[in-house]
Amino acid sequence: MEPSVEAMSAIPGRMYEAWNRGDVAGFFADFAEDALFAELEGTIYRSRAEMIAAHEALLGTVMNGSQLVRGEVAFARIVSPGVGVVHSRVGILLPGEEEPPPTRFSMQLFVTVWRNDRWAVVALENARLLSLETMAALESMATG
């Protein structure tokens, strides 16, 4: 198998499908054992095992029954032989909702490396996708 942009671009979709099944190990299946993950509120996980443990607790409580929806890959590129990046966006739907609010969309930046005939995620940053208006409103609330 050759490293391709298409293969790398399929990673977020597999993650969304696993989340929607409640399969935390499947959600992180494409991650290297020593991967880094910067979560949207600032937590940094430093191993796949740490990510799985934290997210099992999350899916067992506050995010139980949530669904990742409207996922899309905005871009993917091989930046150097064996190294790639993927940028994706997705919404989080809580139980009983039909559409996530605009403030519950996130964007992720994946760094991948080609190992053992597959792309492995070695770093991921997850951040909220917020409009300039929403960020201004948050700033004004913070400054009171």
N, C-alpha and C. Protein backbone atom coordinates (compact mmCIF):
# COMPACT_ATOMS: atom_id res chain seq x y z
N MET A 1 0.84 -1.18 0.00
CA MET A 1 0.00 0.00 0.00
C MET A 1 0.88 1.25 0.00
N GLU A 2 0.50 2.22 -0.77
CA GLU A 2 1.23 3.48 -0.87
C GLU A 2 0.54 4.55 -0.02
N PRO A 3 1.32 5.45 0.57
CA PRO A 3 0.69 6.54 1.33
C PRO A 3 -0.07 7.46 0.37
N SER A 4 -1.34 7.67 0.63
CA SER A 4 -2.14 8.55 -0.22
C SER A 4 -2.91 9.55 0.63
N VAL A 5 -3.24 10.66 0.01
CA VAL A 5 -4.05 11.68 0.67
C VAL A 5 -5.43 11.09 0.99
N GLU A 6 -5.96 10.27 0.09
CA GLU A 6 -7.28 9.68 0.31
C GLU A 6 -7.30 8.80 1.57
N ALA A 7 -6.27 7.98 1.74
CA ALA A 7 -6.20 7.11 2.92
C ALA A 7 -6.10 7.95 4.20
N MET A 8 -5.31 9.00 4.15
CA MET A 8 -5.15 9.87 5.31
C MET A 8 -6.47 10.60 5.60
N SER A 9 -7.18 11.02 4.56
CA SER A 9 -8.43 11.76 4.71
C SER A 9 -9.56 10.91 5.29
N ALA A 10 -9.42 9.60 5.25
CA ALA A 10 -10.46 8.71 5.77
C ALA A 10 -10.42 8.58 7.29
N ILE A 11 -9.35 9.01 7.92
CA ILE A 11 -9.20 8.86 9.37
C ILE A 11 -10.33 9.54 10.14
N PRO A 12 -10.62 10.83 9.91
CA PRO A 12 -11.69 11.46 10.70
C PRO A 12 -13.04 10.74 10.57
N GLY A 13 -13.40 10.29 9.37
CA GLY A 13 -14.66 9.59 9.19
C GLY A 13 -14.75 8.33 10.02
N ARG A 14 -13.65 7.57 10.06
CA ARG A 14 -13.63 6.36 10.90
C ARG A 14 -13.79 6.73 12.36
N MET A 15 -13.17 7.83 12.77
CA MET A 15 -13.30 8.28 14.16
C MET A 15 -14.75 8.65 14.48
N TYR A 16 -15.40 9.40 13.59
CA TYR A 16 -16.79 9.82 13.83
C TYR A 16 -17.69 8.60 13.94
N GLU A 17 -17.51 7.63 13.05
CA GLU A 17 -18.32 6.41 13.09
C GLU A 17 -18.13 5.66 14.41
N ALA A 18 -16.89 5.55 14.87
CA ALA A 18 -16.62 4.87 16.13
C ALA A 18 -17.28 5.61 17.31
N TRP A 19 -17.15 6.94 17.35
CA TRP A 19 -17.78 7.73 18.41
C TRP A 19 -19.27 7.46 18.45
N ASN A 20 -19.89 7.46 17.28
CA ASN A 20 -21.34 7.29 17.21
C ASN A 20 -21.79 5.89 17.64
N ARG A 21 -20.88 4.92 17.60
CA ARG A 21 -21.15 3.57 18.12
C ARG A 21 -20.82 3.46 19.61
N GLY A 22 -20.20 4.50 20.19
CA GLY A 22 -19.75 4.45 21.57
C GLY A 22 -18.48 3.65 21.74
N ASP A 23 -17.69 3.53 20.68
CA ASP A 23 -16.48 2.71 20.63
C ASP A 23 -15.23 3.59 20.80
N VAL A 24 -14.83 3.80 22.03
CA VAL A 24 -13.70 4.69 22.30
C VAL A 24 -12.40 4.13 21.74
N ALA A 25 -12.14 2.84 21.91
CA ALA A 25 -10.91 2.25 21.35
C ALA A 25 -10.89 2.41 19.84
N GLY A 26 -12.05 2.24 19.19
CA GLY A 26 -12.14 2.44 17.75
C GLY A 26 -11.91 3.89 17.36
N PHE A 27 -12.38 4.80 18.20
CA PHE A 27 -12.18 6.23 17.95
C PHE A 27 -10.70 6.56 17.85
N PHE A 28 -9.88 5.92 18.67
CA PHE A 28 -8.44 6.19 18.68
C PHE A 28 -7.63 5.11 17.96
N ALA A 29 -8.28 4.26 17.18
CA ALA A 29 -7.59 3.14 16.51
C ALA A 29 -6.48 3.58 15.57
N ASP A 30 -6.61 4.74 14.96
CA ASP A 30 -5.60 5.21 14.01
C ASP A 30 -4.48 6.01 14.68
N PHE A 31 -4.47 6.08 16.00
CA PHE A 31 -3.46 6.85 16.72
C PHE A 31 -2.26 5.98 17.07
N ALA A 32 -1.08 6.58 17.00
CA ALA A 32 0.14 5.92 17.48
C ALA A 32 0.05 5.80 18.99
N GLU A 33 0.73 4.80 19.54
CA GLU A 33 0.71 4.60 21.00
C GLU A 33 1.22 5.83 21.75
N ASP A 34 2.18 6.56 21.16
CA ASP A 34 2.78 7.72 21.81
C ASP A 34 2.23 9.04 21.27
N ALA A 35 1.04 9.02 20.70
CA ALA A 35 0.45 10.23 20.12
C ALA A 35 0.18 11.29 21.19
N LEU A 36 0.11 12.52 20.74
CA LEU A 36 -0.25 13.66 21.59
C LEU A 36 -1.61 14.18 21.13
N PHE A 37 -2.42 14.62 22.08
CA PHE A 37 -3.76 15.14 21.76
C PHE A 37 -4.01 16.35 22.63
N ALA A 38 -4.15 17.53 22.02
CA ALA A 38 -4.49 18.76 22.73
C ALA A 38 -6.00 18.96 22.58
N GLU A 39 -6.71 18.80 23.70
CA GLU A 39 -8.16 18.88 23.70
C GLU A 39 -8.61 20.33 23.73
N LEU A 40 -9.88 20.57 23.40
CA LEU A 40 -10.36 21.94 23.20
C LEU A 40 -10.27 22.82 24.43
N GLU A 41 -10.33 22.25 25.63
CA GLU A 41 -10.23 23.10 26.83
C GLU A 41 -8.80 23.20 27.35
N GLY A 42 -7.85 22.57 26.65
CA GLY A 42 -6.45 22.71 27.02
C GLY A 42 -5.77 21.47 27.58
N THR A 43 -6.54 20.43 27.89
CA THR A 43 -5.93 19.19 28.38
C THR A 43 -5.06 18.59 27.28
N ILE A 44 -3.89 18.10 27.68
CA ILE A 44 -2.99 17.43 26.73
C ILE A 44 -2.82 15.99 27.18
N TYR A 45 -3.22 15.08 26.30
CA TYR A 45 -3.02 13.65 26.53
C TYR A 45 -1.74 13.24 25.83
N ARG A 46 -0.94 12.40 26.49
CA ARG A 46 0.38 12.07 25.98
C ARG A 46 0.56 10.61 25.57
N SER A 47 -0.56 9.89 25.46
CA SER A 47 -0.51 8.52 24.96
C SER A 47 -1.90 8.10 24.53
N ARG A 48 -1.95 7.12 23.65
CA ARG A 48 -3.23 6.57 23.20
C ARG A 48 -3.99 5.99 24.39
N ALA A 49 -3.31 5.29 25.28
CA ALA A 49 -3.96 4.70 26.45
C ALA A 49 -4.60 5.77 27.33
N GLU A 50 -3.92 6.88 27.51
CA GLU A 50 -4.45 7.99 28.32
C GLU A 50 -5.70 8.58 27.65
N MET A 51 -5.66 8.72 26.33
CA MET A 51 -6.81 9.24 25.59
C MET A 51 -8.02 8.33 25.75
N ILE A 52 -7.80 7.04 25.62
CA ILE A 52 -8.89 6.07 25.72
C ILE A 52 -9.51 6.12 27.11
N ALA A 53 -8.69 6.11 28.14
CA ALA A 53 -9.21 6.13 29.51
C ALA A 53 -10.06 7.37 29.77
N ALA A 54 -9.56 8.52 29.36
CA ALA A 54 -10.30 9.77 29.60
C ALA A 54 -11.61 9.82 28.81
N HIS A 55 -11.57 9.33 27.59
CA HIS A 55 -12.76 9.41 26.76
C HIS A 55 -13.78 8.32 27.08
N GLU A 56 -13.35 7.20 27.65
CA GLU A 56 -14.32 6.21 28.14
C GLU A 56 -15.14 6.83 29.26
N ALA A 57 -14.48 7.57 30.13
CA ALA A 57 -15.21 8.26 31.22
C ALA A 57 -16.15 9.32 30.64
N LEU A 58 -15.68 10.06 29.65
CA LEU A 58 -16.48 11.11 29.03
C LEU A 58 -17.72 10.54 28.34
N LEU A 59 -17.54 9.48 27.54
CA LEU A 59 -18.68 8.87 26.84
C LEU A 59 -19.60 8.12 27.80
N GLY A 60 -19.10 7.77 28.97
CA GLY A 60 -19.93 7.10 29.96
C GLY A 60 -20.75 8.06 30.80
N THR A 61 -20.47 9.36 30.68
CA THR A 61 -21.17 10.34 31.51
C THR A 61 -21.76 11.46 30.64
N VAL A 62 -21.14 12.60 30.65
CA VAL A 62 -21.69 13.82 30.05
C VAL A 62 -21.92 13.71 28.54
N MET A 63 -21.13 12.93 27.83
CA MET A 63 -21.29 12.80 26.38
C MET A 63 -21.99 11.50 25.98
N ASN A 64 -22.55 10.79 26.95
CA ASN A 64 -23.24 9.54 26.67
C ASN A 64 -24.38 9.77 25.68
N GLY A 65 -24.38 9.01 24.60
CA GLY A 65 -25.43 9.13 23.59
C GLY A 65 -25.22 10.25 22.59
N SER A 66 -24.12 10.98 22.69
CA SER A 66 -23.86 12.05 21.73
C SER A 66 -23.47 11.46 20.38
N GLN A 67 -23.62 12.27 19.35
CA GLN A 67 -23.28 11.85 17.99
C GLN A 67 -22.45 12.94 17.33
N LEU A 68 -21.48 12.52 16.55
CA LEU A 68 -20.71 13.46 15.74
C LEU A 68 -21.37 13.51 14.37
N VAL A 69 -21.73 14.73 13.94
CA VAL A 69 -22.50 14.91 12.71
C VAL A 69 -21.88 15.98 11.82
N ARG A 70 -22.25 15.92 10.56
CA ARG A 70 -21.82 16.90 9.56
C ARG A 70 -20.31 17.02 9.47
N GLY A 71 -19.63 15.89 9.65
CA GLY A 71 -18.17 15.88 9.55
C GLY A 71 -17.70 16.08 8.12
N GLU A 72 -16.62 16.81 7.98
CA GLU A 72 -16.03 17.03 6.67
C GLU A 72 -14.53 17.25 6.81
N VAL A 73 -13.79 16.82 5.81
CA VAL A 73 -12.36 17.11 5.74
C VAL A 73 -12.21 18.36 4.89
N ALA A 74 -11.69 19.43 5.50
CA ALA A 74 -11.50 20.69 4.79
C ALA A 74 -10.28 20.65 3.88
N PHE A 75 -9.21 19.99 4.36
CA PHE A 75 -8.04 19.78 3.51
C PHE A 75 -7.18 18.67 4.08
N ALA A 76 -6.41 18.08 3.21
CA ALA A 76 -5.43 17.06 3.60
C ALA A 76 -4.26 17.20 2.64
N ARG A 77 -3.07 17.02 3.17
CA ARG A 77 -1.89 17.18 2.33
C ARG A 77 -0.72 16.38 2.89
N ILE A 78 0.01 15.76 1.99
CA ILE A 78 1.29 15.17 2.36
C ILE A 78 2.31 16.29 2.30
N VAL A 79 2.91 16.63 3.44
CA VAL A 79 3.79 17.79 3.51
C VAL A 79 5.26 17.43 3.32
N SER A 80 5.58 16.16 3.48
CA SER A 80 6.94 15.65 3.31
C SER A 80 6.79 14.14 3.15
N PRO A 81 7.72 13.46 2.53
CA PRO A 81 7.54 12.01 2.41
C PRO A 81 7.26 11.36 3.77
N GLY A 82 6.10 10.70 3.86
CA GLY A 82 5.73 10.01 5.09
C GLY A 82 5.14 10.87 6.17
N VAL A 83 4.87 12.15 5.89
CA VAL A 83 4.28 13.06 6.89
C VAL A 83 3.12 13.81 6.24
N GLY A 84 1.98 13.82 6.93
CA GLY A 84 0.83 14.51 6.38
C GLY A 84 0.04 15.25 7.43
N VAL A 85 -0.85 16.12 6.94
CA VAL A 85 -1.76 16.85 7.82
C VAL A 85 -3.18 16.71 7.26
N VAL A 86 -4.14 16.70 8.17
CA VAL A 86 -5.56 16.67 7.81
C VAL A 86 -6.26 17.69 8.70
N HIS A 87 -7.13 18.49 8.10
CA HIS A 87 -7.96 19.42 8.86
C HIS A 87 -9.41 19.01 8.65
N SER A 88 -10.11 18.73 9.75
CA SER A 88 -11.52 18.33 9.65
C SER A 88 -12.37 19.19 10.58
N ARG A 89 -13.67 19.14 10.32
CA ARG A 89 -14.65 19.88 11.12
C ARG A 89 -15.84 18.98 11.37
N VAL A 90 -16.45 19.10 12.55
CA VAL A 90 -17.57 18.23 12.91
C VAL A 90 -18.41 18.90 14.00
N GLY A 91 -19.69 18.57 14.03
CA GLY A 91 -20.60 19.05 15.06
C GLY A 91 -20.90 17.95 16.07
N ILE A 92 -21.25 18.35 17.28
CA ILE A 92 -21.61 17.39 18.33
C ILE A 92 -23.09 17.56 18.64
N LEU A 93 -23.83 16.47 18.46
CA LEU A 93 -25.26 16.44 18.68
C LEU A 93 -25.50 15.71 19.99
N LEU A 94 -26.17 16.36 20.93
CA LEU A 94 -26.51 15.71 22.20
C LEU A 94 -27.85 15.00 22.07
N PRO A 95 -28.11 14.00 22.93
CA PRO A 95 -29.37 13.27 22.83
C PRO A 95 -30.57 14.22 22.85
N GLY A 96 -31.53 13.95 21.96
CA GLY A 96 -32.73 14.77 21.88
C GLY A 96 -32.62 15.96 20.94
N GLU A 97 -31.42 16.28 20.49
CA GLU A 97 -31.24 17.40 19.56
C GLU A 97 -31.35 16.92 18.12
N GLU A 98 -31.82 17.82 17.26
CA GLU A 98 -31.87 17.52 15.84
C GLU A 98 -30.73 18.18 15.08
N GLU A 99 -30.21 19.26 15.63
CA GLU A 99 -29.11 19.99 15.00
C GLU A 99 -28.24 20.59 16.11
N PRO A 100 -26.92 20.44 16.01
CA PRO A 100 -26.08 21.06 17.04
C PRO A 100 -26.08 22.58 16.90
N PRO A 101 -26.01 23.29 18.03
CA PRO A 101 -25.92 24.75 17.94
C PRO A 101 -24.59 25.15 17.31
N PRO A 102 -24.52 26.35 16.74
CA PRO A 102 -23.28 26.80 16.08
C PRO A 102 -22.05 26.76 16.98
N THR A 103 -22.25 26.88 18.29
CA THR A 103 -21.11 26.88 19.22
C THR A 103 -20.60 25.47 19.52
N ARG A 104 -21.27 24.43 19.00
CA ARG A 104 -20.83 23.06 19.26
C ARG A 104 -20.24 22.40 18.02
N PHE A 105 -19.56 23.20 17.22
CA PHE A 105 -18.79 22.66 16.10
C PHE A 105 -17.31 22.79 16.44
N SER A 106 -16.56 21.79 16.08
CA SER A 106 -15.12 21.78 16.36
C SER A 106 -14.34 21.58 15.08
N MET A 107 -13.06 21.94 15.16
CA MET A 107 -12.15 21.67 14.05
C MET A 107 -10.95 20.95 14.64
N GLN A 108 -10.41 20.04 13.85
CA GLN A 108 -9.27 19.26 14.31
C GLN A 108 -8.15 19.35 13.28
N LEU A 109 -6.94 19.43 13.78
CA LEU A 109 -5.76 19.37 12.93
C LEU A 109 -4.96 18.14 13.33
N PHE A 110 -4.89 17.20 12.40
CA PHE A 110 -4.17 15.93 12.60
C PHE A 110 -2.79 16.03 11.96
N VAL A 111 -1.79 15.51 12.65
CA VAL A 111 -0.47 15.29 12.06
C VAL A 111 -0.32 13.77 11.98
N THR A 112 0.00 13.29 10.79
CA THR A 112 0.09 11.85 10.57
C THR A 112 1.46 11.47 10.04
N VAL A 113 1.85 10.24 10.32
CA VAL A 113 3.08 9.70 9.75
C VAL A 113 2.78 8.33 9.15
N TRP A 114 3.53 7.97 8.12
CA TRP A 114 3.35 6.68 7.46
C TRP A 114 4.18 5.66 8.20
N ARG A 115 3.51 4.70 8.86
CA ARG A 115 4.18 3.64 9.64
C ARG A 115 3.49 2.31 9.36
N ASN A 116 4.26 1.28 9.14
CA ASN A 116 3.70 -0.07 8.99
C ASN A 116 2.58 -0.12 7.96
N ASP A 117 2.82 0.52 6.82
CA ASP A 117 1.87 0.52 5.69
C ASP A 117 0.52 1.16 6.00
N ARG A 118 0.51 2.16 6.90
CA ARG A 118 -0.72 2.91 7.16
C ARG A 118 -0.37 4.27 7.75
N TRP A 119 -1.31 5.19 7.65
CA TRP A 119 -1.15 6.49 8.30
C TRP A 119 -1.48 6.33 9.78
N ALA A 120 -0.63 6.86 10.63
CA ALA A 120 -0.87 6.87 12.08
C ALA A 120 -0.91 8.32 12.55
N VAL A 121 -1.90 8.65 13.36
CA VAL A 121 -1.99 9.99 13.94
C VAL A 121 -0.98 10.09 15.06
N VAL A 122 -0.07 11.08 14.97
CA VAL A 122 0.92 11.29 16.02
C VAL A 122 0.61 12.53 16.85
N ALA A 123 -0.24 13.40 16.32
CA ALA A 123 -0.67 14.59 17.07
C ALA A 123 -2.01 15.05 16.54
N LEU A 124 -2.84 15.53 17.46
CA LEU A 124 -4.16 16.06 17.12
C LEU A 124 -4.44 17.25 18.00
N GLU A 125 -4.90 18.33 17.39
CA GLU A 125 -5.41 19.46 18.17
C GLU A 125 -6.88 19.62 17.84
N ASN A 126 -7.71 19.66 18.87
CA ASN A 126 -9.14 19.83 18.75
C ASN A 126 -9.49 21.20 19.31
N ALA A 127 -10.22 22.00 18.53
CA ALA A 127 -10.58 23.36 18.96
C ALA A 127 -12.00 23.67 18.55
N ARG A 128 -12.66 24.54 19.29
CA ARG A 128 -14.01 24.97 18.92
C ARG A 128 -13.92 25.86 17.69
N LEU A 129 -14.91 25.73 16.84
CA LEU A 129 -15.03 26.56 15.65
C LEU A 129 -16.02 27.66 16.01
N LEU A 130 -15.52 28.85 16.29
CA LEU A 130 -16.36 29.96 16.75
C LEU A 130 -16.27 31.14 15.79
N SER A 131 -17.39 31.82 15.61
CA SER A 131 -17.41 33.01 14.76
C SER A 131 -16.71 34.16 15.49
N LEU A 132 -16.32 35.17 14.75
CA LEU A 132 -15.71 36.36 15.37
C LEU A 132 -16.70 37.03 16.32
N GLU A 133 -17.99 37.00 15.98
CA GLU A 133 -19.01 37.60 16.84
C GLU A 133 -19.10 36.86 18.18
N THR A 134 -19.06 35.53 18.13
CA THR A 134 -19.11 34.74 19.36
C THR A 134 -17.87 34.98 20.20
N MET A 135 -16.71 35.05 19.56
CA MET A 135 -15.48 35.32 20.32
C MET A 135 -15.53 36.70 20.96
N ALA A 136 -16.05 37.71 20.25
CA ALA A 136 -16.18 39.06 20.82
C ALA A 136 -17.13 39.06 22.01
N ALA A 137 -18.24 38.31 21.90
CA ALA A 137 -19.18 38.23 23.01
C ALA A 137 -18.54 37.57 24.22
N LEU A 138 -17.77 36.51 24.01
CA LEU A 138 -17.07 35.86 25.12
C LEU A 138 -16.07 36.80 25.77
N GLU A 139 -15.35 37.55 24.95
CA GLU A 139 -14.38 38.53 25.47
C GLU A 139 -15.08 39.59 26.33
N SER A 140 -16.21 40.09 25.86
CA SER A 140 -16.91 41.13 26.62
C SER A 140 -17.46 40.58 27.92
N MET A 141 -17.89 39.31 27.93
CA MET A 141 -18.34 38.69 29.18
C MET A 141 -17.18 38.53 30.15
N ALA A 142 -16.02 38.16 29.63
CA ALA A 142 -14.85 37.93 30.49
C ALA A 142 -14.34 39.22 31.11
N THR A 143 -14.48 40.33 30.40
CA THR A 143 -13.98 41.60 30.92
C THR A 143 -15.04 42.35 31.71
N GLY A 144 -16.27 41.82 31.68
CA GLY A 144 -17.36 42.28 32.51
C GLY A 144 -17.88 43.61 32.24
